[in-house]
């Protein structure tokens, strides 16, 4: 998933983002990887929040 994505809408997208987040978890501060990590974390948090509200 790249920075063009602004929301996760399916479980498959969630799984892909979670896998990518795992790859980036040790990215050096200030790096492109760290920027992507921050974006992906936000996407996951937003998805989980929406999912928990619909239960």
Protein backbone atom coordinates (compact mmCIF):
# COMPACT_ATOMS: atom_id res chain seq x y z
CA UNK A 1 0.00 0.00 0.00
CA UNK A 2 1.36 3.41 -0.84
CA UNK A 3 0.79 6.91 0.44
CA UNK A 4 -2.03 7.46 -2.06
CA UNK A 5 -4.31 5.37 0.14
CA UNK A 6 -6.12 7.41 2.72
CA UNK A 7 -8.44 4.78 4.18
CA UNK A 8 -8.68 1.05 4.70
CA UNK A 9 -12.05 -0.38 3.69
CA UNK A 10 -11.53 -4.14 3.57
CA UNK A 11 -9.95 -6.82 5.72
CA UNK A 12 -7.57 -7.61 2.84
CA UNK A 13 -6.31 -4.01 2.81
CA UNK A 14 -5.98 -4.12 6.58
CA UNK A 15 -3.91 -7.30 6.39
CA UNK A 16 -1.63 -5.79 3.72
CA UNK A 17 -1.13 -2.60 5.72
CA UNK A 18 -0.45 -4.57 8.90
CA UNK A 19 2.18 -6.65 7.09
CA UNK A 20 3.85 -3.53 5.70
CA UNK A 21 3.74 -1.87 9.12
CA UNK A 22 5.54 -4.88 10.56
CA UNK A 23 8.28 -4.48 7.92
CA UNK A 24 8.72 -0.82 8.84
CA UNK A 25 8.54 -1.05 12.63
CA UNK A 26 12.26 -0.33 13.08
CA UNK A 27 12.54 2.45 10.52
CA UNK A 28 14.96 5.19 11.60
CA UNK A 29 13.34 8.40 12.83
CA UNK A 30 12.97 10.97 10.08
CA UNK A 31 13.34 8.43 7.28
CA UNK A 32 10.87 7.82 4.47
CA UNK A 33 10.09 4.51 6.15
CA UNK A 34 9.23 6.31 9.39
CA UNK A 35 6.90 8.64 7.49
CA UNK A 36 5.18 5.67 5.88
CA UNK A 37 4.99 3.93 9.26
CA UNK A 38 3.21 6.93 10.74
CA UNK A 39 0.69 7.02 7.88
CA UNK A 40 0.02 3.28 8.03
CA UNK A 41 -0.43 3.40 11.80
CA UNK A 42 -3.05 6.11 11.38
CA UNK A 43 -4.85 4.08 8.72
CA UNK A 44 -4.97 1.03 10.99
CA UNK A 45 -6.18 3.01 14.00
CA UNK A 46 -8.92 4.64 11.90
CA UNK A 47 -10.01 1.28 10.48
CA UNK A 48 -10.11 -0.37 13.91
CA UNK A 49 -12.05 2.56 15.37
CA UNK A 50 -14.67 2.36 12.60
CA UNK A 51 -14.88 -1.42 12.94
CA UNK A 52 -15.40 -1.21 16.72
CA UNK A 53 -18.12 1.42 16.30
CA UNK A 54 -20.09 -0.80 13.93
CA UNK A 55 -20.19 -3.75 16.33
